[in-house]
Amino acid sequence: MPNLYVDDNGQPTPIQQRVSTPKPYVVPSPAKAKPSSSGGGSSKPPAGAAPTSQASNRAIGSYTMLTGDPAKGAVPPGEYNVLESNMQTWEALVGYSAEPTQTQLLAMANAGIQTLRDFGQYMATQDNAKSVSQTMPWASYGLSKDEYQSAAATFGTEYKKITGQDISPDALQEAFKNPRDPTGGLLNVSQYSQQLMNDSAIQKQYGWVKYGMDFAAWTQQKLSLRTSFGRDINDAEAATILQYGKAASGSNMAVTAKQSGQQAQQPALAGGSVVR
């Protein structure tokens, strides 16, 4: 029963209870940072200074230990975690047959190595990993065995298409040494083909390449010359005829690049004959 009181007229009247509404919670503003006692102002590294780790503000290359207090020279946790992750992946790629030493890990941290490819390239130069890097070359490029074999097949096919020869171990190694970007991504077929066509050593060894031809186009060119001259034409003669035709046609009439299955613009030879 509600509480009652008798009003001035002698009538019982219920007492009205006051209901208080709680105030909403207001998130306090964050405390302002105290100004530096050194006089304030942002401390930017001088121009030309070595890059620093955001975690420790130490110059990369000045770490003295792998773990511990970054302020005292240890590799910062973030950079160490990346290094440790790359180490675990690399060890798996070589079948756990080699293990980086603490000294090597510290050296890689000081070198700023952050990618699996760079990790593998560094270990391939170390005495405790040279052998496994040669036996399992994919680890040197931060690739799995399947990725390496697939890329090697692609490079080999394109190399033979242009030169007519099987790719040599040195040429294959060179193909893997030229990533298309800093992350280590491999050259695709088009990029590798362009690289070969522009390679001065390849042009010197396989003369037709400097005329923009692959091996199939070069073979077809010699067959056409054989028909035109009515006799066999060897490589040296065919190259001489092409060079003469290019010179005779003028500096603005270079032989058009030709790949298999495409028609090439042919230079006119002296006397009106055409290299087919």
C-alpha atoms as a PDB file:
ATOM      1  CA  MET A   1       0.000   0.000   0.000  1.00  0.00           C
ATOM      2  CA  PRO A   2       1.480   3.409  -0.956  1.00  0.00           C
ATOM      3  CA  ASN A   3       2.515   5.803   1.782  1.00  0.00           C
ATOM      4  CA  LEU A   4      -0.197   8.426   2.477  1.00  0.00           C
ATOM      5  CA  TYR A   5      -0.326  11.723   4.171  1.00  0.00           C
ATOM      6  CA  VAL A   6      -3.291  13.956   5.112  1.00  0.00           C
ATOM      7  CA  ASP A   7      -3.424  17.133   3.116  1.00  0.00           C
ATOM      8  CA  ASP A   8      -4.825  20.484   4.276  1.00  0.00           C
ATOM      9  CA  ASN A   9      -8.382  19.357   3.404  1.00  0.00           C
ATOM     10  CA  GLY A  10      -8.070  16.287   5.569  1.00  0.00           C
ATOM     11  CA  GLN A  11      -7.881  13.962   2.605  1.00  0.00           C
ATOM     12  CA  PRO A  12      -5.371  11.121   2.433  1.00  0.00           C
ATOM     13  CA  THR A  13      -2.927  11.716  -0.431  1.00  0.00           C
ATOM     14  CA  PRO A  14      -0.161   9.359  -1.706  1.00  0.00           C
ATOM     15  CA  ILE A  15       3.367  10.572  -1.238  1.00  0.00           C
ATOM     16  CA  GLN A  16       5.146  11.251  -4.616  1.00  0.00           C
ATOM     17  CA  GLN A  17       8.563   9.682  -4.680  1.00  0.00           C
ATOM     18  CA  ARG A  18      11.302  11.464  -6.601  1.00  0.00           C
ATOM     19  CA  VAL A  19      13.008   9.322  -9.224  1.00  0.00           C
ATOM     20  CA  SER A  20      16.574  10.307 -10.005  1.00  0.00           C
ATOM     21  CA  THR A  21      17.868   9.800 -13.565  1.00  0.00           C
ATOM     22  CA  PRO A  22      21.515   8.626 -13.706  1.00  0.00           C
ATOM     23  CA  LYS A  23      23.879  10.795 -15.655  1.00  0.00           C
ATOM     24  CA  PRO A  24      25.417   9.226 -18.758  1.00  0.00           C
ATOM     25  CA  TYR A  25      29.039   8.061 -18.521  1.00  0.00           C
ATOM     26  CA  VAL A  26      31.433  10.376 -20.279  1.00  0.00           C
ATOM     27  CA  VAL A  27      34.726   8.879 -21.507  1.00  0.00           C
ATOM     28  CA  PRO A  28      37.510  10.963 -20.051  1.00  0.00           C
ATOM     29  CA  SER A  29      39.844  12.703 -22.463  1.00  0.00           C
ATOM     30  CA  PRO A  30      43.328  11.177 -22.720  1.00  0.00           C
ATOM     31  CA  ALA A  31      45.961  12.910 -20.697  1.00  0.00           C
ATOM     32  CA  LYS A  32      48.186  15.206 -22.686  1.00  0.00           C
ATOM     33  CA  ALA A  33      51.790  14.163 -22.999  1.00  0.00           C
ATOM     34  CA  LYS A  34      54.195  16.169 -20.957  1.00  0.00           C
ATOM     35  CA  PRO A  35      56.642  18.230 -22.959  1.00  0.00           C
ATOM     36  CA  SER A  36      60.163  16.874 -23.174  1.00  0.00           C
ATOM     37  CA  SER A  37      62.584  18.278 -20.681  1.00  0.00           C
ATOM     38  CA  SER A  38      65.103  18.654 -23.488  1.00  0.00           C
ATOM     39  CA  GLY A  39      63.341  21.695 -24.870  1.00  0.00           C
ATOM     40  CA  GLY A  40      60.562  20.155 -26.964  1.00  0.00           C
ATOM     41  CA  GLY A  41      60.267  19.793 -30.703  1.00  0.00           C
ATOM     42  CA  SER A  42      60.306  16.623 -32.802  1.00  0.00           C
ATOM     43  CA  SER A  43      63.632  14.841 -33.048  1.00  0.00           C
ATOM     44  CA  LYS A  44      64.179  13.924 -36.684  1.00  0.00           C
ATOM     45  CA  PRO A  45      67.267  11.978 -37.740  1.00  0.00           C
ATOM     46  CA  PRO A  46      69.821  14.073 -39.598  1.00  0.00           C
ATOM     47  CA  ALA A  47      69.983  13.844 -43.358  1.00  0.00           C
ATOM     48  CA  GLY A  48      71.994  10.856 -44.511  1.00  0.00           C
ATOM     49  CA  ALA A  49      71.611   8.996 -41.227  1.00  0.00           C
ATOM     50  CA  ALA A  50      71.237   5.213 -41.264  1.00  0.00           C
ATOM     51  CA  PRO A  51      67.632   3.909 -41.155  1.00  0.00           C
ATOM     52  CA  THR A  52      66.432   3.171 -37.666  1.00  0.00           C
ATOM     53  CA  SER A  53      64.141   0.603 -36.110  1.00  0.00           C
ATOM     54  CA  GLN A  54      60.857   2.123 -34.972  1.00  0.00           C
ATOM     55  CA  ALA A  55      60.871  -0.198 -31.986  1.00  0.00           C
ATOM     56  CA  SER A  56      64.251   0.819 -30.587  1.00  0.00           C
ATOM     57  CA  ASN A  57      65.258   3.966 -32.513  1.00  0.00           C
ATOM     58  CA  ARG A  58      68.638   2.329 -33.096  1.00  0.00           C
ATOM     59  CA  ALA A  59      70.306   2.411 -36.481  1.00  0.00           C
ATOM     60  CA  ILE A  60      69.828  -0.849 -38.364  1.00  0.00           C
ATOM     61  CA  GLY A  61      73.246  -2.463 -38.446  1.00  0.00           C
ATOM     62  CA  SER A  62      74.097  -1.578 -34.862  1.00  0.00           C
ATOM     63  CA  TYR A  63      72.385  -4.489 -33.108  1.00  0.00           C
ATOM     64  CA  THR A  64      74.627  -6.370 -30.707  1.00  0.00           C
ATOM     65  CA  MET A  65      72.335  -9.211 -29.599  1.00  0.00           C
ATOM     66  CA  LEU A  66      69.304 -11.080 -30.919  1.00  0.00           C
ATOM     67  CA  THR A  67      67.041 -10.887 -27.890  1.00  0.00           C
ATOM     68  CA  GLY A  68      66.754  -8.635 -24.892  1.00  0.00           C
ATOM     69  CA  ASP A  69      66.154  -4.950 -24.401  1.00  0.00           C
ATOM     70  CA  PRO A  70      66.091  -3.138 -27.770  1.00  0.00           C
ATOM     71  CA  ALA A  71      67.265   0.003 -26.003  1.00  0.00           C
ATOM     72  CA  LYS A  72      70.435  -1.863 -25.090  1.00  0.00           C
ATOM     73  CA  GLY A  73      71.181  -3.147 -28.577  1.00  0.00           C
ATOM     74  CA  ALA A  74      68.844  -6.127 -29.052  1.00  0.00           C
ATOM     75  CA  VAL A  75      66.980  -6.739 -32.301  1.00  0.00           C
ATOM     76  CA  PRO A  76      63.444  -5.303 -31.860  1.00  0.00           C
ATOM     77  CA  PRO A  77      60.703  -7.949 -31.410  1.00  0.00           C
ATOM     78  CA  GLY A  78      58.970  -7.193 -34.703  1.00  0.00           C
ATOM     79  CA  GLU A  79      62.112  -7.564 -36.779  1.00  0.00           C
ATOM     80  CA  TYR A  80      63.179 -10.617 -34.822  1.00  0.00           C
ATOM     81  CA  ASN A  81      59.810 -12.307 -35.434  1.00  0.00           C
ATOM     82  CA  VAL A  82      60.159 -11.795 -39.201  1.00  0.00           C
ATOM     83  CA  LEU A  83      63.688 -13.191 -39.088  1.00  0.00           C
ATOM     84  CA  GLU A  84      62.587 -16.206 -37.053  1.00  0.00           C
ATOM     85  CA  SER A  85      59.669 -16.876 -39.424  1.00  0.00           C
ATOM     86  CA  ASN A  86      62.001 -16.805 -42.436  1.00  0.00           C
ATOM     87  CA  MET A  87      64.416 -19.116 -40.615  1.00  0.00           C
ATOM     88  CA  GLN A  88      61.690 -21.686 -39.915  1.00  0.00           C
ATOM     89  CA  THR A  89      60.498 -21.627 -43.537  1.00  0.00           C
ATOM     90  CA  TRP A  90      64.030 -21.877 -44.919  1.00  0.00           C
ATOM     91  CA  GLU A  91      64.859 -24.809 -42.636  1.00  0.00           C
ATOM     92  CA  ALA A  92      61.754 -26.606 -43.920  1.00  0.00           C
ATOM     93  CA  LEU A  93      62.820 -25.932 -47.542  1.00  0.00           C
ATOM     94  CA  VAL A  94      66.169 -27.674 -46.942  1.00  0.00           C
ATOM     95  CA  GLY A  95      64.575 -30.549 -45.042  1.00  0.00           C
ATOM     96  CA  TYR A  96      66.012 -29.381 -41.710  1.00  0.00           C
ATOM     97  CA  SER A  97      69.457 -30.438 -42.903  1.00  0.00           C
ATOM     98  CA  ALA A  98      71.049 -27.116 -41.907  1.00  0.00           C
ATOM     99  CA  GLU A  99      70.442 -24.563 -39.192  1.00  0.00           C
ATOM    100  CA  PRO A 100      71.479 -20.899 -39.123  1.00  0.00           C
ATOM    101  CA  THR A 101      73.687 -19.930 -36.188  1.00  0.00           C
ATOM    102  CA  GLN A 102      72.932 -17.107 -33.776  1.00  0.00           C
ATOM    103  CA  THR A 103      75.820 -15.167 -35.307  1.00  0.00           C
ATOM    104  CA  GLN A 104      74.343 -15.544 -38.788  1.00  0.00           C
ATOM    105  CA  LEU A 105      70.905 -14.449 -37.614  1.00  0.00           C
ATOM    106  CA  LEU A 106      72.365 -11.360 -35.973  1.00  0.00           C
ATOM    107  CA  ALA A 107      74.303 -10.572 -39.142  1.00  0.00           C
ATOM    108  CA  MET A 108      71.102 -10.848 -41.188  1.00  0.00           C
ATOM    109  CA  ALA A 109      69.287  -8.569 -38.748  1.00  0.00           C
ATOM    110  CA  ASN A 110      72.052  -5.995 -39.113  1.00  0.00           C
ATOM    111  CA  ALA A 111      71.857  -6.349 -42.898  1.00  0.00           C
ATOM    112  CA  GLY A 112      68.138  -5.571 -42.787  1.00  0.00           C
ATOM    113  CA  ILE A 113      67.169  -8.929 -44.357  1.00  0.00           C
ATOM    114  CA  GLN A 114      63.373  -9.225 -44.249  1.00  0.00           C
ATOM    115  CA  THR A 115      62.404 -11.491 -47.170  1.00  0.00           C
ATOM    116  CA  LEU A 116      62.683 -15.266 -47.539  1.00  0.00           C
ATOM    117  CA  ARG A 117      64.568 -14.857 -50.820  1.00  0.00           C
ATOM    118  CA  ASP A 118      67.213 -12.640 -49.209  1.00  0.00           C
ATOM    119  CA  PHE A 119      67.444 -15.078 -46.305  1.00  0.00           C
ATOM    120  CA  GLY A 120      68.109 -17.946 -48.730  1.00  0.00           C
ATOM    121  CA  GLN A 121      70.617 -15.918 -50.744  1.00  0.00           C
ATOM    122  CA  TYR A 122      72.570 -15.098 -47.585  1.00  0.00           C
ATOM    123  CA  MET A 123      72.614 -18.691 -46.348  1.00  0.00           C
ATOM    124  CA  ALA A 124      73.822 -19.920 -49.753  1.00  0.00           C
ATOM    125  CA  THR A 125      77.078 -18.052 -49.082  1.00  0.00           C
ATOM    126  CA  GLN A 126      77.636 -19.612 -45.647  1.00  0.00           C
ATOM    127  CA  ASP A 127      79.892 -22.626 -45.082  1.00  0.00           C
ATOM    128  CA  ASN A 128      77.245 -24.526 -43.109  1.00  0.00           C
ATOM    129  CA  ALA A 129      74.679 -24.171 -45.895  1.00  0.00           C
ATOM    130  CA  LYS A 130      76.574 -24.025 -49.199  1.00  0.00           C
ATOM    131  CA  SER A 131      76.234 -27.742 -49.811  1.00  0.00           C
ATOM    132  CA  VAL A 132      72.501 -27.965 -49.131  1.00  0.00           C
ATOM    133  CA  SER A 133      71.912 -24.797 -51.168  1.00  0.00           C
ATOM    134  CA  GLN A 134      73.520 -26.492 -54.162  1.00  0.00           C
ATOM    135  CA  THR A 135      71.620 -29.738 -53.600  1.00  0.00           C
ATOM    136  CA  MET A 136      68.337 -27.907 -52.990  1.00  0.00           C
ATOM    137  CA  PRO A 137      68.714 -24.721 -55.074  1.00  0.00           C
ATOM    138  CA  TRP A 138      65.076 -23.704 -54.572  1.00  0.00           C
ATOM    139  CA  ALA A 139      65.880 -22.743 -50.970  1.00  0.00           C
ATOM    140  CA  SER A 140      68.362 -20.144 -52.217  1.00  0.00           C
ATOM    141  CA  TYR A 141      65.496 -18.288 -53.887  1.00  0.00           C
ATOM    142  CA  GLY A 142      62.886 -18.772 -51.172  1.00  0.00           C
ATOM    143  CA  LEU A 143      60.885 -21.186 -53.345  1.00  0.00           C
ATOM    144  CA  SER A 144      59.395 -24.603 -52.809  1.00  0.00           C
ATOM    145  CA  LYS A 145      60.722 -27.485 -54.888  1.00  0.00           C
ATOM    146  CA  ASP A 146      57.596 -27.477 -57.088  1.00  0.00           C
ATOM    147  CA  GLU A 147      57.791 -23.703 -57.651  1.00  0.00           C
ATOM    148  CA  TYR A 148      61.447 -23.959 -58.580  1.00  0.00           C
ATOM    149  CA  GLN A 149      60.950 -26.845 -61.020  1.00  0.00           C
ATOM    150  CA  SER A 150      58.016 -25.089 -62.686  1.00  0.00           C
ATOM    151  CA  ALA A 151      60.001 -21.870 -63.138  1.00  0.00           C
ATOM    152  CA  ALA A 152      63.070 -23.781 -64.361  1.00  0.00           C
ATOM    153  CA  ALA A 153      60.960 -25.529 -67.011  1.00  0.00           C
ATOM    154  CA  THR A 154      59.535 -22.189 -68.155  1.00  0.00           C
ATOM    155  CA  PHE A 155      62.961 -20.576 -68.400  1.00  0.00           C
ATOM    156  CA  GLY A 156      64.381 -23.627 -70.188  1.00  0.00           C
ATOM    157  CA  THR A 157      61.596 -23.665 -72.781  1.00  0.00           C
ATOM    158  CA  GLU A 158      61.958 -19.961 -73.571  1.00  0.00           C
ATOM    159  CA  TYR A 159      65.753 -20.178 -73.722  1.00  0.00           C
ATOM    160  CA  LYS A 160      65.618 -23.011 -76.264  1.00  0.00           C
ATOM    161  CA  LYS A 161      62.946 -21.194 -78.272  1.00  0.00           C
ATOM    162  CA  ILE A 162      65.279 -18.228 -78.732  1.00  0.00           C
ATOM    163  CA  THR A 163      68.698 -19.891 -78.941  1.00  0.00           C
ATOM    164  CA  GLY A 164      67.884 -23.388 -80.159  1.00  0.00           C
ATOM    165  CA  GLN A 165      69.984 -24.788 -77.295  1.00  0.00           C
ATOM    166  CA  ASP A 166      69.126 -26.344 -73.929  1.00  0.00           C
ATOM    167  CA  ILE A 167      69.572 -23.895 -71.098  1.00  0.00           C
ATOM    168  CA  SER A 168      72.882 -24.280 -69.262  1.00  0.00           C
ATOM    169  CA  PRO A 169      73.159 -24.378 -65.459  1.00  0.00           C
ATOM    170  CA  ASP A 170      74.804 -20.945 -65.503  1.00  0.00           C
ATOM    171  CA  ALA A 171      72.060 -19.473 -67.689  1.00  0.00           C
ATOM    172  CA  LEU A 172      69.385 -20.987 -65.460  1.00  0.00           C
ATOM    173  CA  GLN A 173      71.044 -19.576 -62.368  1.00  0.00           C
ATOM    174  CA  GLU A 174      71.184 -16.175 -64.047  1.00  0.00           C
ATOM    175  CA  ALA A 175      67.465 -16.345 -64.788  1.00  0.00           C
ATOM    176  CA  PHE A 176      66.692 -16.925 -61.115  1.00  0.00           C
ATOM    177  CA  LYS A 177      69.081 -14.160 -60.068  1.00  0.00           C
ATOM    178  CA  ASN A 178      67.034 -11.490 -61.814  1.00  0.00           C
ATOM    179  CA  PRO A 179      63.770 -10.991 -59.913  1.00  0.00           C
ATOM    180  CA  ARG A 180      61.239  -8.615 -61.397  1.00  0.00           C
ATOM    181  CA  ASP A 181      60.698  -6.740 -58.111  1.00  0.00           C
ATOM    182  CA  PRO A 182      62.281  -6.259 -54.682  1.00  0.00           C
ATOM    183  CA  THR A 183      60.121  -8.951 -53.117  1.00  0.00           C
ATOM    184  CA  GLY A 184      61.813 -11.597 -55.238  1.00  0.00           C
ATOM    185  CA  GLY A 185      59.016 -12.314 -57.662  1.00  0.00           C
ATOM    186  CA  LEU A 186      60.294 -14.295 -60.658  1.00  0.00           C
ATOM    187  CA  LEU A 187      60.340 -13.021 -64.215  1.00  0.00           C
ATOM    188  CA  ASN A 188      57.357 -14.147 -66.272  1.00  0.00           C
ATOM    189  CA  VAL A 189      57.748 -15.614 -69.770  1.00  0.00           C
ATOM    190  CA  SER A 190      57.447 -12.275 -71.559  1.00  0.00           C
ATOM    191  CA  GLN A 191      59.922 -10.552 -69.245  1.00  0.00           C
ATOM    192  CA  TYR A 192      62.448 -13.371 -69.521  1.00  0.00           C
ATOM    193  CA  SER A 193      62.128 -13.457 -73.318  1.00  0.00           C
ATOM    194  CA  GLN A 194      62.727  -9.707 -73.509  1.00  0.00           C
ATOM    195  CA  GLN A 195      65.717 -10.033 -71.217  1.00  0.00           C
ATOM    196  CA  LEU A 196      67.274 -12.683 -73.461  1.00  0.00           C
ATOM    197  CA  MET A 197      66.619 -10.716 -76.643  1.00  0.00           C
ATOM    198  CA  ASN A 198      68.344  -7.656 -75.156  1.00  0.00           C
ATOM    199  CA  ASP A 199      71.290  -9.578 -73.699  1.00  0.00           C
ATOM    200  CA  SER A 200      74.459  -8.521 -75.546  1.00  0.00           C
ATOM    201  CA  ALA A 201      76.183 -11.836 -74.773  1.00  0.00           C
ATOM    202  CA  ILE A 202      73.238 -13.773 -76.221  1.00  0.00           C
ATOM    203  CA  GLN A 203      73.206 -11.528 -79.298  1.00  0.00           C
ATOM    204  CA  LYS A 204      76.907 -12.128 -79.827  1.00  0.00           C
ATOM    205  CA  GLN A 205      76.666 -15.892 -79.444  1.00  0.00           C
ATOM    206  CA  TYR A 206      73.418 -16.282 -81.403  1.00  0.00           C
ATOM    207  CA  GLY A 207      73.661 -13.661 -84.138  1.00  0.00           C
ATOM    208  CA  TRP A 208      70.025 -13.853 -85.245  1.00  0.00           C
ATOM    209  CA  VAL A 209      68.859 -12.537 -81.880  1.00  0.00           C
ATOM    210  CA  LYS A 210      70.163  -9.041 -82.637  1.00  0.00           C
ATOM    211  CA  TYR A 211      67.866  -9.057 -85.671  1.00  0.00           C
ATOM    212  CA  GLY A 212      64.889  -9.755 -83.423  1.00  0.00           C
ATOM    213  CA  MET A 213      64.559 -13.405 -84.432  1.00  0.00           C
ATOM    214  CA  ASP A 214      64.105 -16.543 -82.383  1.00  0.00           C
ATOM    215  CA  PHE A 215      65.604 -19.858 -83.525  1.00  0.00           C
ATOM    216  CA  ALA A 216      62.537 -20.982 -85.495  1.00  0.00           C
ATOM    217  CA  ALA A 217      62.399 -17.677 -87.384  1.00  0.00           C
ATOM    218  CA  TRP A 218      66.125 -17.914 -88.054  1.00  0.00           C
ATOM    219  CA  THR A 219      65.739 -21.446 -89.429  1.00  0.00           C
ATOM    220  CA  GLN A 220      62.914 -20.315 -91.696  1.00  0.00           C
ATOM    221  CA  GLN A 221      65.060 -17.393 -92.853  1.00  0.00           C
ATOM    222  CA  LYS A 222      67.863 -19.753 -93.910  1.00  0.00           C
ATOM    223  CA  LEU A 223      65.402 -21.952 -95.804  1.00  0.00           C
ATOM    224  CA  SER A 224      64.190 -18.884 -97.666  1.00  0.00           C
ATOM    225  CA  LEU A 225      67.756 -17.880 -98.493  1.00  0.00           C
ATOM    226  CA  ARG A 226      68.468 -21.397 -99.731  1.00  0.00           C
ATOM    227  CA  THR A 227      65.524 -21.079-102.113  1.00  0.00           C
ATOM    228  CA  SER A 228      66.640 -17.625-103.271  1.00  0.00           C
ATOM    229  CA  PHE A 229      70.259 -18.618-103.881  1.00  0.00           C
ATOM    230  CA  GLY A 230      69.604 -22.165-105.034  1.00  0.00           C
ATOM    231  CA  ARG A 231      72.075 -23.724-102.593  1.00  0.00           C
ATOM    232  CA  ASP A 232      72.620 -24.394 -98.926  1.00  0.00           C
ATOM    233  CA  ILE A 233      73.357 -21.341 -96.774  1.00  0.00           C
ATOM    234  CA  ASN A 234      75.274 -21.815 -93.550  1.00  0.00           C
ATOM    235  CA  ASP A 235      74.839 -19.693 -90.438  1.00  0.00           C
ATOM    236  CA  ALA A 236      77.797 -17.425 -91.152  1.00  0.00           C
ATOM    237  CA  GLU A 237      76.632 -16.699 -94.698  1.00  0.00           C
ATOM    238  CA  ALA A 238      73.063 -16.089 -93.595  1.00  0.00           C
ATOM    239  CA  ALA A 239      74.229 -13.689 -90.887  1.00  0.00           C
ATOM    240  CA  THR A 240      76.407 -11.824 -93.396  1.00  0.00           C
ATOM    241  CA  ILE A 241      73.507 -11.517 -95.828  1.00  0.00           C
ATOM    242  CA  LEU A 242      71.219 -10.222 -93.077  1.00  0.00           C
ATOM    243  CA  GLN A 243      73.847  -7.728 -91.927  1.00  0.00           C
ATOM    244  CA  TYR A 244      74.432  -6.526 -95.473  1.00  0.00           C
ATOM    245  CA  GLY A 245      70.733  -6.250 -96.117  1.00  0.00           C
ATOM    246  CA  LYS A 246      70.242  -4.237 -92.962  1.00  0.00           C
ATOM    247  CA  ALA A 247      73.055  -1.850 -93.892  1.00  0.00           C
ATOM    248  CA  ALA A 248      71.830  -1.497 -97.452  1.00  0.00           C
ATOM    249  CA  SER A 249      68.304  -0.682 -96.379  1.00  0.00           C
ATOM    250  CA  GLY A 250      69.423   2.325 -94.336  1.00  0.00           C
ATOM    251  CA  SER A 251      69.393   3.171 -90.677  1.00  0.00           C
ATOM    252  CA  ASN A 252      65.598   3.551 -90.657  1.00  0.00           C
ATOM    253  CA  MET A 253      64.917   0.116 -92.140  1.00  0.00           C
ATOM    254  CA  ALA A 254      66.121  -2.255 -89.412  1.00  0.00           C
ATOM    255  CA  VAL A 255      64.910  -5.805 -89.620  1.00  0.00           C
ATOM    256  CA  THR A 256      61.571  -6.150 -87.865  1.00  0.00           C
ATOM    257  CA  ALA A 257      61.479  -8.446 -84.837  1.00  0.00           C
ATOM    258  CA  LYS A 258      60.085 -11.805 -85.719  1.00  0.00           C
ATOM    259  CA  GLN A 259      58.899 -14.651 -83.491  1.00  0.00           C
ATOM    260  CA  SER A 260      57.688 -18.063 -84.583  1.00  0.00           C
ATOM    261  CA  GLY A 261      54.523 -17.973 -86.656  1.00  0.00           C
ATOM    262  CA  GLN A 262      54.823 -14.231 -87.455  1.00  0.00           C
ATOM    263  CA  GLN A 263      55.748 -12.511 -90.686  1.00  0.00           C
ATOM    264  CA  ALA A 264      58.827 -10.288 -90.640  1.00  0.00           C
ATOM    265  CA  GLN A 265      59.598  -7.301 -92.828  1.00  0.00           C
ATOM    266  CA  GLN A 266      62.570  -8.304 -94.959  1.00  0.00           C
ATOM    267  CA  PRO A 267      65.383  -5.969 -96.025  1.00  0.00           C
ATOM    268  CA  ALA A 268      66.158  -5.572 -99.709  1.00  0.00           C
ATOM    269  CA  LEU A 269      69.586  -6.696-100.853  1.00  0.00           C
ATOM    270  CA  ALA A 270      71.737  -5.013-103.483  1.00  0.00           C
ATOM    271  CA  GLY A 271      70.506  -5.746-106.984  1.00  0.00           C
ATOM    272  CA  GLY A 272      66.891  -5.837-105.895  1.00  0.00           C
ATOM    273  CA  SER A 273      66.891  -9.324-104.321  1.00  0.00           C
ATOM    274  CA  VAL A 274      65.146  -9.804-101.000  1.00  0.00           C
ATOM    275  CA  VAL A 275      66.169 -11.821 -97.958  1.00  0.00           C
ATOM    276  CA  ARG A 276      63.160 -14.047 -97.373  1.00  0.00           C
END
